[in-house]
């Protein structure tokens, strides 16, 4: 059995089925994934975008660089106003769908509870890229 064929082994050459491998003990640590539901807005806070991702920092960076999608690029939604984390992808997707159906005022109330000043929660995540002219670096 090769280590590639079995996803439980992360180190080639440490295959317990290998005739050259001495007896070894393996601890398999399950990888816990986090799924984030997030709300972005533009500098005037007139448009909201709700999304879900398994890589919040990476996805927000894409949005800030104008690579997040047609809607967020068209309406300049670069500012992270709110997010929730889930370990179950189905729950995260269900929450995203629920928030997308919400009225604007409900979304504003949700954001106000956690982010009363409507600050970009990701404003300091990418300081090493500040010289790139990040469109989301100065919320209005």
N, C-alpha and C. Protein backbone atom coordinates (compact mmCIF):
# COMPACT_ATOMS: atom_id res chain seq x y z
N UNK A 1 0.85 -1.17 0.00
CA UNK A 1 0.00 0.00 0.00
C UNK A 1 0.89 1.23 0.00
N UNK A 2 0.70 2.11 -0.94
CA UNK A 2 1.51 3.31 -0.97
C UNK A 2 0.86 4.38 -0.11
N UNK A 3 1.66 5.30 0.40
CA UNK A 3 1.13 6.36 1.24
C UNK A 3 0.25 7.31 0.44
N UNK A 4 0.46 7.39 -0.86
CA UNK A 4 -0.38 8.24 -1.70
C UNK A 4 -1.78 7.67 -1.84
N UNK A 5 -1.89 6.38 -1.85
CA UNK A 5 -3.19 5.76 -2.03
C UNK A 5 -4.05 5.90 -0.79
N UNK A 6 -3.44 6.10 0.34
CA UNK A 6 -4.19 6.22 1.59
C UNK A 6 -4.04 7.63 2.13
N UNK A 7 -5.12 8.41 2.14
CA UNK A 7 -5.02 9.80 2.57
C UNK A 7 -4.72 9.98 4.05
N UNK A 8 -4.73 8.88 4.83
CA UNK A 8 -4.46 9.00 6.25
C UNK A 8 -2.98 9.17 6.55
N UNK A 9 -2.14 8.89 5.59
CA UNK A 9 -0.71 9.02 5.80
C UNK A 9 -0.21 10.27 5.11
N UNK A 10 0.41 11.13 5.89
CA UNK A 10 0.88 12.38 5.31
C UNK A 10 2.37 12.38 5.01
N UNK A 11 3.08 11.34 5.42
CA UNK A 11 4.51 11.29 5.20
C UNK A 11 4.87 10.05 4.38
N UNK A 12 5.24 10.25 3.12
CA UNK A 12 5.69 9.10 2.33
C UNK A 12 6.89 8.44 3.02
N UNK A 13 6.95 7.15 2.95
CA UNK A 13 8.05 6.43 3.58
C UNK A 13 7.73 5.98 4.99
N UNK A 14 6.64 6.47 5.55
CA UNK A 14 6.23 6.04 6.88
C UNK A 14 4.99 5.17 6.78
N UNK A 15 4.94 4.39 5.75
CA UNK A 15 3.81 3.50 5.50
C UNK A 15 3.98 2.24 6.33
N UNK A 16 3.06 1.97 7.27
CA UNK A 16 3.23 0.79 8.12
C UNK A 16 3.15 -0.52 7.35
N UNK A 17 2.63 -0.49 6.14
CA UNK A 17 2.57 -1.70 5.32
C UNK A 17 3.86 -1.97 4.57
N UNK A 18 4.78 -1.04 4.66
CA UNK A 18 6.04 -1.17 3.95
C UNK A 18 6.95 -2.17 4.66
N UNK A 19 7.57 -3.10 3.90
CA UNK A 19 8.46 -4.09 4.52
C UNK A 19 9.69 -3.45 5.15
N UNK A 20 10.05 -2.25 4.73
CA UNK A 20 11.24 -1.60 5.28
C UNK A 20 10.91 -0.75 6.50
N UNK A 21 9.65 -0.53 6.76
CA UNK A 21 9.25 0.32 7.89
C UNK A 21 9.15 -0.49 9.16
N UNK A 22 9.83 -0.07 10.18
CA UNK A 22 9.74 -0.70 11.49
C UNK A 22 8.37 -0.37 12.08
N UNK A 23 8.00 -1.05 13.10
CA UNK A 23 6.73 -0.79 13.76
C UNK A 23 6.68 0.67 14.22
N UNK A 24 5.61 1.33 13.88
CA UNK A 24 5.46 2.74 14.23
C UNK A 24 4.05 2.99 14.74
N UNK A 25 3.95 3.97 15.57
CA UNK A 25 2.63 4.37 16.06
C UNK A 25 2.24 5.66 15.35
N UNK A 26 1.00 5.71 14.91
CA UNK A 26 0.52 6.87 14.18
C UNK A 26 -0.61 7.51 14.95
N UNK A 27 -0.54 8.79 15.03
CA UNK A 27 -1.65 9.56 15.58
C UNK A 27 -2.24 10.33 14.41
N UNK A 28 -3.46 10.08 14.14
CA UNK A 28 -4.12 10.78 13.05
C UNK A 28 -4.95 11.90 13.65
N UNK A 29 -4.55 13.11 13.32
CA UNK A 29 -5.26 14.28 13.82
C UNK A 29 -6.16 14.79 12.71
N UNK A 30 -7.47 14.75 12.95
CA UNK A 30 -8.36 15.23 11.90
C UNK A 30 -8.17 16.73 11.68
N UNK A 31 -8.23 17.12 10.45
CA UNK A 31 -8.10 18.53 10.10
C UNK A 31 -9.46 19.20 10.29
N UNK A 32 -9.48 20.22 11.11
CA UNK A 32 -10.72 20.94 11.35
C UNK A 32 -10.76 22.13 10.41
N UNK A 33 -11.76 22.16 9.58
CA UNK A 33 -11.93 23.26 8.64
C UNK A 33 -12.89 24.27 9.23
N UNK A 34 -12.66 25.49 8.90
CA UNK A 34 -13.55 26.57 9.31
C UNK A 34 -14.16 27.18 8.06
N UNK A 35 -15.43 27.40 8.12
CA UNK A 35 -16.17 28.03 7.02
C UNK A 35 -16.73 29.33 7.55
N UNK A 36 -16.50 30.39 6.83
CA UNK A 36 -16.93 31.71 7.29
C UNK A 36 -18.00 32.28 6.38
N UNK A 37 -19.02 32.82 7.01
CA UNK A 37 -20.05 33.60 6.32
C UNK A 37 -19.69 35.05 6.59
N UNK A 38 -19.67 35.88 5.56
CA UNK A 38 -19.20 37.24 5.74
C UNK A 38 -20.07 38.24 4.99
N UNK A 39 -20.01 39.48 5.45
CA UNK A 39 -20.73 40.57 4.79
C UNK A 39 -19.73 41.67 4.46
N UNK A 40 -19.71 42.06 3.20
CA UNK A 40 -18.88 43.16 2.72
C UNK A 40 -19.77 44.34 2.36
N UNK A 41 -19.18 45.51 2.34
CA UNK A 41 -19.90 46.69 1.86
C UNK A 41 -18.94 47.59 1.09
N UNK A 42 -19.49 48.63 0.48
CA UNK A 42 -18.68 49.62 -0.22
C UNK A 42 -18.37 50.78 0.72
N UNK A 43 -17.64 51.78 0.26
CA UNK A 43 -17.21 52.87 1.14
C UNK A 43 -18.38 53.72 1.63
N UNK A 44 -19.48 53.76 0.89
CA UNK A 44 -20.65 54.55 1.29
C UNK A 44 -21.65 53.74 2.10
N UNK A 45 -21.36 52.45 2.24
CA UNK A 45 -22.24 51.51 2.97
C UNK A 45 -23.65 51.45 2.38
N UNK A 46 -23.71 51.54 1.06
CA UNK A 46 -25.00 51.50 0.37
C UNK A 46 -25.30 50.13 -0.23
N UNK A 47 -24.30 49.28 -0.33
CA UNK A 47 -24.46 47.95 -0.94
C UNK A 47 -23.85 46.92 0.01
N UNK A 48 -24.55 45.80 0.17
CA UNK A 48 -24.02 44.70 0.97
C UNK A 48 -23.87 43.47 0.10
N UNK A 49 -22.80 42.73 0.35
CA UNK A 49 -22.58 41.45 -0.31
C UNK A 49 -22.36 40.40 0.78
N UNK A 50 -23.06 39.29 0.68
CA UNK A 50 -22.91 38.19 1.63
C UNK A 50 -22.30 37.01 0.92
N UNK A 51 -21.28 36.41 1.52
CA UNK A 51 -20.61 35.27 0.91
C UNK A 51 -20.22 34.23 1.95
N UNK A 52 -19.73 33.10 1.46
CA UNK A 52 -19.24 32.03 2.33
C UNK A 52 -17.92 31.52 1.74
N UNK A 53 -16.99 31.16 2.62
CA UNK A 53 -15.68 30.70 2.17
C UNK A 53 -15.03 29.80 3.20
N UNK A 54 -14.08 29.00 2.77
CA UNK A 54 -13.29 28.19 3.70
C UNK A 54 -11.94 28.86 3.99
N UNK A 55 -11.71 30.02 3.40
CA UNK A 55 -10.46 30.76 3.61
C UNK A 55 -10.80 32.25 3.67
N UNK A 56 -11.23 32.72 4.83
CA UNK A 56 -11.70 34.09 4.94
C UNK A 56 -10.64 35.11 4.56
N UNK A 57 -9.44 34.98 5.12
CA UNK A 57 -8.40 35.96 4.82
C UNK A 57 -8.06 35.99 3.33
N UNK A 58 -7.94 34.82 2.73
CA UNK A 58 -7.64 34.75 1.31
C UNK A 58 -8.75 35.31 0.44
N UNK A 59 -9.99 35.00 0.81
CA UNK A 59 -11.13 35.47 0.02
C UNK A 59 -11.29 36.99 0.13
N UNK A 60 -11.12 37.53 1.32
CA UNK A 60 -11.22 38.98 1.48
C UNK A 60 -10.11 39.67 0.71
N UNK A 61 -8.92 39.08 0.72
CA UNK A 61 -7.82 39.65 -0.08
C UNK A 61 -8.20 39.69 -1.55
N UNK A 62 -8.80 38.61 -2.06
CA UNK A 62 -9.25 38.61 -3.46
C UNK A 62 -10.24 39.74 -3.71
N UNK A 63 -11.20 39.90 -2.82
CA UNK A 63 -12.16 40.99 -2.99
C UNK A 63 -11.45 42.34 -3.01
N UNK A 64 -10.53 42.56 -2.10
CA UNK A 64 -9.83 43.83 -2.01
C UNK A 64 -8.98 44.11 -3.25
N UNK A 65 -8.52 43.05 -3.89
CA UNK A 65 -7.72 43.20 -5.11
C UNK A 65 -8.59 43.27 -6.38
N UNK A 66 -9.90 43.24 -6.19
CA UNK A 66 -10.81 43.32 -7.33
C UNK A 66 -11.00 42.00 -8.05
N UNK A 67 -10.59 40.91 -7.41
CA UNK A 67 -10.68 39.59 -8.03
C UNK A 67 -11.74 38.72 -7.37
N UNK A 68 -12.56 39.30 -6.52
CA UNK A 68 -13.53 38.52 -5.74
C UNK A 68 -14.73 38.07 -6.52
N UNK A 69 -15.10 38.80 -7.54
CA UNK A 69 -16.28 38.45 -8.32
C UNK A 69 -16.83 39.68 -9.00
N UNK A 70 -17.77 39.45 -9.89
CA UNK A 70 -18.33 40.54 -10.69
C UNK A 70 -19.07 41.54 -9.80
N UNK A 71 -19.94 41.06 -8.93
CA UNK A 71 -20.76 41.95 -8.10
C UNK A 71 -19.89 42.82 -7.20
N UNK A 72 -18.97 42.20 -6.47
CA UNK A 72 -18.17 42.98 -5.52
C UNK A 72 -17.24 43.96 -6.24
N UNK A 73 -16.76 43.59 -7.42
CA UNK A 73 -15.92 44.51 -8.19
C UNK A 73 -16.75 45.66 -8.74
N UNK A 74 -17.92 45.35 -9.26
CA UNK A 74 -18.79 46.38 -9.85
C UNK A 74 -19.22 47.41 -8.82
N UNK A 75 -19.55 46.94 -7.61
CA UNK A 75 -20.06 47.83 -6.57
C UNK A 75 -19.01 48.19 -5.51
N UNK A 76 -17.75 47.85 -5.77
CA UNK A 76 -16.63 48.20 -4.89
C UNK A 76 -16.85 47.75 -3.45
N UNK A 77 -17.29 46.53 -3.28
CA UNK A 77 -17.50 45.96 -1.94
C UNK A 77 -16.19 45.36 -1.45
N UNK A 78 -15.41 46.15 -0.74
CA UNK A 78 -14.10 45.74 -0.29
C UNK A 78 -13.97 45.70 1.23
N UNK A 79 -14.98 46.14 1.96
CA UNK A 79 -14.87 46.34 3.39
C UNK A 79 -15.62 45.26 4.16
N UNK A 80 -14.89 44.52 4.98
CA UNK A 80 -15.48 43.44 5.77
C UNK A 80 -16.16 44.04 6.99
N UNK A 81 -17.47 43.90 7.04
CA UNK A 81 -18.25 44.46 8.14
C UNK A 81 -18.59 43.42 9.20
N UNK A 82 -18.68 42.15 8.79
CA UNK A 82 -19.19 41.14 9.70
C UNK A 82 -18.79 39.76 9.20
N UNK A 83 -18.56 38.83 10.13
CA UNK A 83 -18.37 37.43 9.75
C UNK A 83 -18.72 36.51 10.90
N UNK A 84 -19.08 35.29 10.56
CA UNK A 84 -19.37 34.22 11.51
C UNK A 84 -18.61 32.99 11.05
N UNK A 85 -18.08 32.21 11.98
CA UNK A 85 -17.34 31.00 11.64
C UNK A 85 -18.15 29.76 12.01
N UNK A 86 -18.04 28.74 11.15
CA UNK A 86 -18.72 27.47 11.33
C UNK A 86 -17.74 26.34 11.05
N UNK A 87 -17.94 25.19 11.69
CA UNK A 87 -17.14 24.01 11.38
C UNK A 87 -17.90 23.08 10.44
N UNK A 88 -19.16 23.36 10.20
CA UNK A 88 -19.99 22.54 9.32
C UNK A 88 -20.34 23.36 8.08
N UNK A 89 -19.91 22.91 6.92
CA UNK A 89 -20.12 23.67 5.69
C UNK A 89 -21.61 23.83 5.37
N UNK A 90 -22.41 22.82 5.67
CA UNK A 90 -23.85 22.94 5.38
C UNK A 90 -24.50 24.03 6.21
N UNK A 91 -24.08 24.13 7.47
CA UNK A 91 -24.61 25.19 8.33
C UNK A 91 -24.19 26.57 7.83
N UNK A 92 -22.95 26.67 7.36
CA UNK A 92 -22.46 27.94 6.84
C UNK A 92 -23.22 28.36 5.59
N UNK A 93 -23.45 27.41 4.69
CA UNK A 93 -24.19 27.72 3.47
C UNK A 93 -25.63 28.09 3.78
N UNK A 94 -26.24 27.39 4.73
CA UNK A 94 -27.62 27.71 5.13
C UNK A 94 -27.69 29.12 5.71
N UNK A 95 -26.69 29.48 6.52
CA UNK A 95 -26.68 30.82 7.11
C UNK A 95 -26.47 31.88 6.03
N UNK A 96 -25.60 31.61 5.07
CA UNK A 96 -25.39 32.55 3.96
C UNK A 96 -26.70 32.78 3.22
N UNK A 97 -27.41 31.71 2.91
CA UNK A 97 -28.69 31.83 2.20
C UNK A 97 -29.70 32.62 3.02
N UNK A 98 -29.70 32.36 4.34
CA UNK A 98 -30.62 33.09 5.22
C UNK A 98 -30.32 34.59 5.19
N UNK A 99 -29.04 34.94 5.35
CA UNK A 99 -28.67 36.35 5.36
C UNK A 99 -28.95 37.03 4.03
N UNK A 100 -28.80 36.32 2.94
CA UNK A 100 -29.08 36.90 1.62
C UNK A 100 -30.56 37.26 1.47
N UNK A 101 -31.42 36.56 2.20
CA UNK A 101 -32.86 36.85 2.14
C UNK A 101 -33.27 37.97 3.10
N UNK A 102 -32.39 38.35 3.99
CA UNK A 102 -32.72 39.35 4.99
C UNK A 102 -32.89 40.73 4.37
N UNK A 103 -33.72 41.53 5.02
CA UNK A 103 -33.87 42.93 4.65
C UNK A 103 -32.60 43.69 5.03
N UNK A 104 -32.38 44.78 4.33
CA UNK A 104 -31.20 45.61 4.58
C UNK A 104 -31.12 46.03 6.06
N UNK A 105 -32.24 46.45 6.63
CA UNK A 105 -32.25 46.92 8.02
C UNK A 105 -31.84 45.81 8.98
N UNK A 106 -32.24 44.59 8.71
CA UNK A 106 -31.85 43.46 9.56
C UNK A 106 -30.34 43.25 9.51
N UNK A 107 -29.77 43.37 8.31
CA UNK A 107 -28.31 43.21 8.17
C UNK A 107 -27.59 44.33 8.92
N UNK A 108 -28.12 45.55 8.81
CA UNK A 108 -27.52 46.67 9.53
C UNK A 108 -27.55 46.43 11.04
N UNK A 109 -28.66 45.92 11.55
CA UNK A 109 -28.77 45.62 12.98
C UNK A 109 -27.76 44.55 13.40
N UNK A 110 -27.61 43.52 12.57
CA UNK A 110 -26.65 42.45 12.86
C UNK A 110 -25.23 43.01 12.92
N UNK A 111 -24.88 43.83 11.95
CA UNK A 111 -23.54 44.43 11.91
C UNK A 111 -23.33 45.33 13.12
N UNK A 112 -24.33 46.15 13.44
CA UNK A 112 -24.21 47.08 14.57
C UNK A 112 -23.93 46.37 15.90
N UNK A 113 -24.48 45.17 16.06
CA UNK A 113 -24.27 44.42 17.31
C UNK A 113 -22.79 44.09 17.53
N UNK A 114 -22.11 43.70 16.47
CA UNK A 114 -20.71 43.25 16.58
C UNK A 114 -19.70 44.31 16.15
N UNK A 115 -20.13 45.24 15.32
CA UNK A 115 -19.23 46.22 14.73
C UNK A 115 -19.93 47.58 14.68
N UNK A 116 -20.21 48.18 15.85
CA UNK A 116 -21.03 49.39 15.90
C UNK A 116 -20.46 50.59 15.15
N UNK A 117 -19.15 50.61 14.95
CA UNK A 117 -18.53 51.73 14.24
C UNK A 117 -18.40 51.46 12.74
N UNK A 118 -18.87 50.32 12.29
CA UNK A 118 -18.81 49.94 10.87
C UNK A 118 -17.39 50.07 10.32
N UNK A 119 -16.44 49.57 11.10
CA UNK A 119 -15.04 49.57 10.65
C UNK A 119 -14.77 48.34 9.79
N UNK A 120 -13.82 48.48 8.88
CA UNK A 120 -13.38 47.34 8.08
C UNK A 120 -12.62 46.39 9.00
N UNK A 121 -13.20 45.23 9.27
CA UNK A 121 -12.59 44.27 10.19
C UNK A 121 -11.29 43.68 9.66
N UNK A 122 -11.06 43.83 8.38
CA UNK A 122 -9.83 43.31 7.76
C UNK A 122 -8.84 44.42 7.42
N UNK A 123 -9.04 45.59 7.97
CA UNK A 123 -8.21 46.74 7.59
C UNK A 123 -6.72 46.55 7.88
N UNK A 124 -6.38 45.75 8.89
CA UNK A 124 -4.96 45.56 9.21
C UNK A 124 -4.45 44.17 8.86
N UNK A 125 -5.21 43.40 8.12
CA UNK A 125 -4.80 42.04 7.78
C UNK A 125 -3.68 42.00 6.75
N UNK A 126 -3.58 43.01 5.92
CA UNK A 126 -2.68 42.95 4.76
C UNK A 126 -1.70 44.11 4.75
N UNK A 127 -1.19 44.49 5.89
CA UNK A 127 -0.29 45.64 5.97
C UNK A 127 0.95 45.47 5.08
N UNK A 128 1.38 44.23 4.87
CA UNK A 128 2.56 44.01 4.02
C UNK A 128 2.28 44.30 2.55
N UNK A 129 0.99 44.48 2.20
CA UNK A 129 0.63 44.78 0.82
C UNK A 129 0.15 46.21 0.66
N UNK A 130 0.41 47.07 1.62
CA UNK A 130 -0.11 48.43 1.58
C UNK A 130 0.40 49.22 0.39
N UNK A 131 1.56 48.86 -0.15
CA UNK A 131 2.10 49.58 -1.30
C UNK A 131 1.45 49.15 -2.62
N UNK A 132 0.52 48.21 -2.58
CA UNK A 132 -0.15 47.75 -3.80
C UNK A 132 -1.36 48.60 -4.17
N UNK A 133 -1.68 49.59 -3.36
CA UNK A 133 -2.84 50.41 -3.66
C UNK A 133 -4.13 49.68 -3.40
N UNK A 134 -4.20 48.99 -2.29
CA UNK A 134 -5.38 48.21 -1.90
C UNK A 134 -6.62 49.11 -1.89
N UNK A 135 -7.63 48.80 -2.73
CA UNK A 135 -8.82 49.64 -2.79
C UNK A 135 -9.63 49.59 -1.50
N UNK A 136 -9.40 48.58 -0.69
CA UNK A 136 -10.15 48.46 0.55
C UNK A 136 -9.38 48.93 1.77
N UNK A 137 -8.36 49.73 1.59
CA UNK A 137 -7.51 50.08 2.72
C UNK A 137 -7.99 51.30 3.51
N UNK A 138 -8.89 52.09 2.96
CA UNK A 138 -9.34 53.26 3.71
C UNK A 138 -10.86 53.37 3.64
N UNK A 139 -11.54 52.74 4.60
CA UNK A 139 -13.00 52.77 4.58
C UNK A 139 -13.52 54.20 4.78
N UNK A 140 -14.67 54.46 4.13
CA UNK A 140 -15.23 55.81 4.20
C UNK A 140 -16.26 55.98 5.24
